[in-house]
N, C-alpha and C. Protein backbone atom coordinates (compact mmCIF):
# COMPACT_ATOMS: atom_id res chain seq x y z
N UNK A 1 0.72 65.85 59.12
CA UNK A 1 1.63 65.87 57.99
C UNK A 1 1.38 64.62 57.16
N UNK A 2 1.31 64.80 55.84
CA UNK A 2 1.02 63.68 54.95
C UNK A 2 2.26 62.99 54.42
N UNK A 3 3.36 63.70 54.34
CA UNK A 3 4.59 63.12 53.79
C UNK A 3 5.69 64.17 53.78
N UNK A 4 6.86 63.75 53.32
CA UNK A 4 8.02 64.63 53.23
C UNK A 4 8.52 64.67 51.80
N UNK A 5 9.00 65.81 51.38
CA UNK A 5 9.65 65.95 50.09
C UNK A 5 11.06 66.45 50.28
N UNK A 6 11.99 65.82 49.61
CA UNK A 6 13.39 66.22 49.67
C UNK A 6 13.85 66.52 48.25
N UNK A 7 14.36 67.72 48.05
CA UNK A 7 14.82 68.15 46.74
C UNK A 7 16.26 68.63 46.88
N UNK A 8 17.11 68.19 45.96
CA UNK A 8 18.51 68.60 46.02
C UNK A 8 19.08 68.66 44.62
N UNK A 9 20.16 69.38 44.49
CA UNK A 9 20.92 69.35 43.25
C UNK A 9 21.74 68.08 43.21
N UNK A 10 22.50 67.92 42.17
CA UNK A 10 23.30 66.71 42.04
C UNK A 10 22.52 65.61 41.37
N UNK A 11 23.07 64.41 41.40
CA UNK A 11 22.40 63.26 40.78
C UNK A 11 21.51 62.56 41.80
N UNK A 12 20.25 62.38 41.42
CA UNK A 12 19.26 61.79 42.31
C UNK A 12 18.57 60.65 41.58
N UNK A 13 18.32 59.55 42.29
CA UNK A 13 17.51 58.46 41.76
C UNK A 13 16.16 58.50 42.48
N UNK A 14 15.15 59.15 41.87
CA UNK A 14 13.87 59.30 42.57
C UNK A 14 13.15 57.98 42.78
N UNK A 15 13.39 56.99 41.92
CA UNK A 15 12.72 55.69 42.08
C UNK A 15 13.17 55.00 43.37
N UNK A 16 14.46 55.10 43.66
CA UNK A 16 15.01 54.47 44.88
C UNK A 16 15.02 55.42 46.07
N UNK A 17 14.83 56.72 45.81
CA UNK A 17 14.89 57.69 46.89
C UNK A 17 16.30 57.89 47.41
N UNK A 18 17.26 57.84 46.48
CA UNK A 18 18.67 57.91 46.85
C UNK A 18 19.33 59.12 46.19
N UNK A 19 20.12 59.85 46.97
CA UNK A 19 20.98 60.88 46.40
C UNK A 19 22.24 60.16 45.93
N UNK A 20 22.37 60.02 44.62
CA UNK A 20 23.47 59.26 44.03
C UNK A 20 24.79 60.00 44.26
N UNK A 21 24.79 61.31 43.98
CA UNK A 21 25.99 62.10 44.21
C UNK A 21 25.62 63.57 44.38
N UNK A 22 26.09 64.14 45.45
CA UNK A 22 25.94 65.58 45.70
C UNK A 22 27.27 66.06 46.27
N UNK A 23 28.14 66.45 45.35
CA UNK A 23 29.53 66.75 45.69
C UNK A 23 29.71 67.79 46.80
N UNK A 24 29.01 68.95 46.77
CA UNK A 24 29.23 69.93 47.83
C UNK A 24 28.95 69.40 49.24
N UNK A 25 28.04 68.42 49.34
CA UNK A 25 27.73 67.83 50.64
C UNK A 25 28.58 66.61 50.94
N UNK A 26 29.34 66.14 49.95
CA UNK A 26 30.12 64.93 50.13
C UNK A 26 29.26 63.67 50.16
N UNK A 27 28.07 63.76 49.57
CA UNK A 27 27.13 62.62 49.58
C UNK A 27 27.34 61.75 48.36
N UNK A 28 27.33 60.46 48.59
CA UNK A 28 27.36 59.46 47.51
C UNK A 28 26.52 58.28 47.96
N UNK A 29 25.50 57.97 47.17
CA UNK A 29 24.58 56.85 47.46
C UNK A 29 23.96 56.94 48.85
N UNK A 30 23.42 58.11 49.18
CA UNK A 30 22.77 58.32 50.47
C UNK A 30 21.29 57.93 50.34
N UNK A 31 20.83 56.94 51.12
CA UNK A 31 19.43 56.47 51.03
C UNK A 31 18.48 57.39 51.80
N UNK A 32 18.27 58.58 51.28
CA UNK A 32 17.49 59.61 51.99
C UNK A 32 16.09 59.12 52.32
N UNK A 33 15.42 58.50 51.35
CA UNK A 33 14.05 58.02 51.60
C UNK A 33 14.02 57.04 52.76
N UNK A 34 14.89 56.08 52.74
CA UNK A 34 14.91 55.05 53.78
C UNK A 34 15.18 55.66 55.16
N UNK A 35 16.15 56.55 55.24
CA UNK A 35 16.51 57.17 56.52
C UNK A 35 15.34 57.98 57.07
N UNK A 36 14.75 58.85 56.25
CA UNK A 36 13.68 59.71 56.73
C UNK A 36 12.38 58.95 56.97
N UNK A 37 12.07 57.97 56.12
CA UNK A 37 10.85 57.17 56.32
C UNK A 37 10.95 56.37 57.62
N UNK A 38 12.12 55.85 57.92
CA UNK A 38 12.32 55.11 59.16
C UNK A 38 12.17 56.03 60.37
N UNK A 39 12.71 57.23 60.27
CA UNK A 39 12.68 58.17 61.39
C UNK A 39 11.29 58.77 61.63
N UNK A 40 10.48 58.90 60.56
CA UNK A 40 9.21 59.61 60.69
C UNK A 40 7.97 58.76 60.46
N UNK A 41 8.12 57.58 59.87
CA UNK A 41 6.99 56.72 59.48
C UNK A 41 6.07 57.41 58.46
N UNK A 42 6.64 58.34 57.70
CA UNK A 42 5.88 59.03 56.65
C UNK A 42 6.41 58.63 55.28
N UNK A 43 5.58 58.75 54.24
CA UNK A 43 6.10 58.57 52.89
C UNK A 43 7.06 59.71 52.55
N UNK A 44 8.14 59.37 51.86
CA UNK A 44 9.17 60.35 51.53
C UNK A 44 9.39 60.33 50.02
N UNK A 45 9.38 61.50 49.41
CA UNK A 45 9.61 61.64 47.98
C UNK A 45 10.92 62.41 47.79
N UNK A 46 11.80 61.86 46.98
CA UNK A 46 13.12 62.45 46.76
C UNK A 46 13.28 62.70 45.26
N UNK A 47 13.74 63.91 44.90
CA UNK A 47 13.95 64.20 43.49
C UNK A 47 14.98 65.30 43.34
N UNK A 48 15.44 65.47 42.11
CA UNK A 48 16.36 66.55 41.78
C UNK A 48 15.61 67.87 41.67
N UNK A 49 16.32 68.97 41.86
CA UNK A 49 15.64 70.25 41.94
C UNK A 49 15.01 70.69 40.62
N UNK A 50 15.61 70.39 39.49
CA UNK A 50 15.02 70.82 38.21
C UNK A 50 13.69 70.11 37.97
N UNK A 51 13.63 68.80 38.23
CA UNK A 51 12.37 68.07 38.05
C UNK A 51 11.32 68.54 39.05
N UNK A 52 11.74 68.83 40.26
CA UNK A 52 10.79 69.29 41.28
C UNK A 52 10.22 70.66 40.91
N UNK A 53 11.08 71.57 40.43
CA UNK A 53 10.59 72.89 40.00
C UNK A 53 9.64 72.77 38.82
N UNK A 54 9.95 71.89 37.88
CA UNK A 54 9.07 71.69 36.73
C UNK A 54 7.72 71.13 37.18
N UNK A 55 7.75 70.17 38.08
CA UNK A 55 6.50 69.59 38.59
C UNK A 55 5.67 70.63 39.33
N UNK A 56 6.30 71.48 40.11
CA UNK A 56 5.58 72.54 40.81
C UNK A 56 4.94 73.52 39.83
N UNK A 57 5.65 73.84 38.75
CA UNK A 57 5.09 74.73 37.73
C UNK A 57 3.88 74.09 37.07
N UNK A 58 3.96 72.80 36.79
CA UNK A 58 2.83 72.09 36.18
C UNK A 58 1.63 72.08 37.13
N UNK A 59 1.88 71.84 38.40
CA UNK A 59 0.78 71.75 39.37
C UNK A 59 0.18 73.11 39.74
N UNK A 60 1.05 74.12 39.92
CA UNK A 60 0.59 75.37 40.51
C UNK A 60 0.78 76.61 39.63
N UNK A 61 1.48 76.47 38.53
CA UNK A 61 1.81 77.62 37.70
C UNK A 61 0.80 77.87 36.60
N UNK A 62 1.26 78.54 35.59
CA UNK A 62 0.46 78.87 34.42
C UNK A 62 -0.12 77.59 33.81
N UNK A 63 -1.39 77.61 33.47
CA UNK A 63 -2.05 76.42 32.94
C UNK A 63 -1.43 75.92 31.64
N UNK A 64 -0.80 76.81 30.88
CA UNK A 64 -0.14 76.38 29.64
C UNK A 64 0.99 75.40 29.92
N UNK A 65 1.59 75.48 31.12
CA UNK A 65 2.69 74.57 31.48
C UNK A 65 2.19 73.14 31.63
N UNK A 66 0.90 72.95 31.76
CA UNK A 66 0.36 71.60 31.92
C UNK A 66 0.38 70.83 30.60
N UNK A 67 0.46 71.57 29.49
CA UNK A 67 0.52 70.92 28.18
C UNK A 67 1.95 70.56 27.80
N UNK A 68 2.87 71.48 28.01
CA UNK A 68 4.27 71.20 27.73
C UNK A 68 5.13 72.23 28.46
N UNK A 69 6.32 71.80 28.86
CA UNK A 69 7.18 72.66 29.66
C UNK A 69 8.62 72.24 29.49
N UNK A 70 9.49 73.22 29.37
CA UNK A 70 10.94 72.98 29.42
C UNK A 70 11.48 73.90 30.50
N UNK A 71 12.13 73.33 31.48
CA UNK A 71 12.75 74.11 32.56
C UNK A 71 14.25 73.91 32.46
N UNK A 72 14.99 75.00 32.35
CA UNK A 72 16.45 74.94 32.26
C UNK A 72 17.03 75.76 33.39
N UNK A 73 17.86 75.12 34.22
CA UNK A 73 18.55 75.79 35.32
C UNK A 73 20.02 75.91 34.95
N UNK A 74 20.54 77.13 35.03
CA UNK A 74 21.96 77.34 34.79
C UNK A 74 22.49 78.10 36.00
N UNK A 75 23.37 77.48 36.72
CA UNK A 75 23.99 78.09 37.90
C UNK A 75 25.36 77.46 38.05
N UNK A 76 25.63 76.92 39.22
CA UNK A 76 26.89 76.22 39.39
C UNK A 76 26.88 74.88 38.65
N UNK A 77 25.70 74.45 38.21
CA UNK A 77 25.52 73.28 37.36
C UNK A 77 24.48 73.65 36.30
N UNK A 78 24.36 72.82 35.29
CA UNK A 78 23.29 72.97 34.30
C UNK A 78 22.37 71.76 34.48
N UNK A 79 21.08 72.02 34.65
CA UNK A 79 20.11 70.97 34.89
C UNK A 79 18.85 71.30 34.10
N UNK A 80 18.15 70.31 33.64
CA UNK A 80 16.95 70.56 32.84
C UNK A 80 15.89 69.51 33.13
N UNK A 81 14.64 69.89 32.88
CA UNK A 81 13.51 68.98 32.98
C UNK A 81 12.52 69.34 31.90
N UNK A 82 11.89 68.33 31.31
CA UNK A 82 10.89 68.54 30.28
C UNK A 82 9.64 67.75 30.59
N UNK A 83 8.51 68.30 30.21
CA UNK A 83 7.24 67.62 30.33
C UNK A 83 6.46 67.87 29.05
N UNK A 84 5.97 66.84 28.43
CA UNK A 84 5.23 66.97 27.18
C UNK A 84 3.85 66.36 27.34
């Protein structure tokens, strides 16, 4: 295994690897990267689900998405990601 990826809804700080707030889980300022990296000795990447879905589309989806992409999620929350 090369690393771990953690994707969640709510507010995420991908630079720090922290779930800032995820209300349904009762999480606030949870240092996901630190906890999992300590437990596994692997690199851990943490991000919000809209940005992760957009990145996956850029990497693996239609080649046109590599030039520009807008991803809009509407469900129990509204979340968006853009790549230009």
